Amino acid sequence: MVSKVERERAALEQAQKEVEERRKRLAELEEEEQQKALEKLVKKVGRPNAIEILELSAAMKPKVAIDLLKQPKGSAALA
């Protein structure tokens, strides 16, 4: 006969496995959402432009590229 402690331990282990599976599934869903967002943006700007933007951004620090792209239109830094 299985004791209460052993049943509780088994239930806890099962719950931990389920949580881990849900975390993996969540990570997969997040990855799918990011992929869809990327595809949507590439479609919006066009593949050649997206490639050029990424290549130019890779040539500098990502934070600098993001800051430059976020600056308002007509800013002297982009001219």
Protein backbone atom coordinates (compact mmCIF):
# COMPACT_ATOMS: atom_id res chain seq x y z
CA MET A 1 0.00 0.00 0.00
CA VAL A 2 1.23 3.46 -0.89
CA SER A 3 1.51 5.91 1.97
CA LYS A 4 0.07 9.42 1.97
CA VAL A 5 3.55 10.90 1.75
CA GLU A 6 4.43 8.81 -1.30
CA ARG A 7 1.16 9.74 -3.03
CA GLU A 8 1.76 13.40 -2.29
CA ARG A 9 5.34 13.14 -3.58
CA ALA A 10 4.13 11.48 -6.79
CA ALA A 11 1.44 14.14 -7.26
CA LEU A 12 4.01 16.89 -6.77
CA GLU A 13 6.38 15.33 -9.30
CA GLN A 14 3.55 15.03 -11.82
CA ALA A 15 2.58 18.67 -11.27
CA GLN A 16 6.19 19.75 -11.79
CA LYS A 17 6.34 17.82 -15.06
CA GLU A 18 3.13 19.47 -16.23
CA VAL A 19 4.45 22.93 -15.36
CA GLU A 20 7.64 22.24 -17.30
CA GLU A 21 5.62 21.07 -20.32
CA ARG A 22 3.48 24.23 -20.15
CA ARG A 23 6.61 26.39 -19.98
CA LYS A 24 7.99 24.68 -23.08
CA ARG A 25 4.68 25.16 -24.90
CA LEU A 26 4.60 28.84 -23.88
CA ALA A 27 8.13 29.30 -25.22
CA GLU A 28 7.05 27.70 -28.51
CA LEU A 29 4.00 29.97 -28.74
CA GLU A 30 6.12 33.05 -28.05
CA GLU A 31 8.57 31.98 -30.75
CA GLU A 32 5.70 31.50 -33.22
CA GLU A 33 4.33 34.97 -32.42
CA GLN A 34 7.75 36.56 -32.91
CA GLN A 35 8.16 34.75 -36.22
CA LYS A 36 4.75 35.96 -37.41
CA ALA A 37 5.56 39.53 -36.36
CA LEU A 38 8.88 39.37 -38.21
CA GLU A 39 7.24 37.99 -41.36
CA LYS A 40 4.60 40.73 -41.22
CA LEU A 41 7.23 43.46 -40.89
CA VAL A 42 9.40 42.02 -43.67
CA LYS A 43 6.34 41.92 -45.92
CA LYS A 44 5.61 45.55 -45.04
CA VAL A 45 9.07 46.91 -45.95
CA GLY A 46 10.00 44.30 -48.54
CA ARG A 47 12.62 41.59 -48.29
CA PRO A 48 15.53 43.57 -49.88
CA ASN A 49 14.90 46.56 -47.62
CA ALA A 50 14.57 44.34 -44.55
CA ILE A 51 17.87 42.66 -45.36
CA GLU A 52 19.59 46.01 -45.89
CA ILE A 53 18.17 47.42 -42.64
CA LEU A 54 19.38 44.38 -40.72
CA GLU A 55 22.81 44.44 -42.35
CA LEU A 56 23.27 48.13 -41.57
CA SER A 57 22.02 47.60 -38.02
CA ALA A 58 24.43 44.70 -37.55
CA ALA A 59 27.32 46.96 -38.58
CA MET A 60 26.69 49.08 -35.46
CA LYS A 61 25.59 48.32 -31.94
CA PRO A 62 21.92 47.27 -31.89
CA LYS A 63 21.06 49.87 -29.23
CA VAL A 64 22.52 52.66 -31.39
CA ALA A 65 20.60 51.48 -34.45
CA ILE A 66 17.34 51.30 -32.50
CA ASP A 67 17.88 54.77 -31.01
CA LEU A 68 18.57 56.21 -34.47
CA LEU A 69 15.47 54.61 -35.94
CA LYS A 70 13.31 55.88 -33.08
CA GLN A 71 14.36 59.51 -33.53
CA PRO A 72 11.62 61.79 -34.91
CA LYS A 73 11.50 62.65 -38.60
CA GLY A 74 13.67 65.58 -39.65
CA SER A 75 16.21 64.95 -36.91
CA ALA A 76 19.73 66.12 -37.71
CA ALA A 77 21.22 62.74 -36.72
CA LEU A 78 19.54 60.97 -39.63
CA ALA A 79 20.45 63.60 -42.20
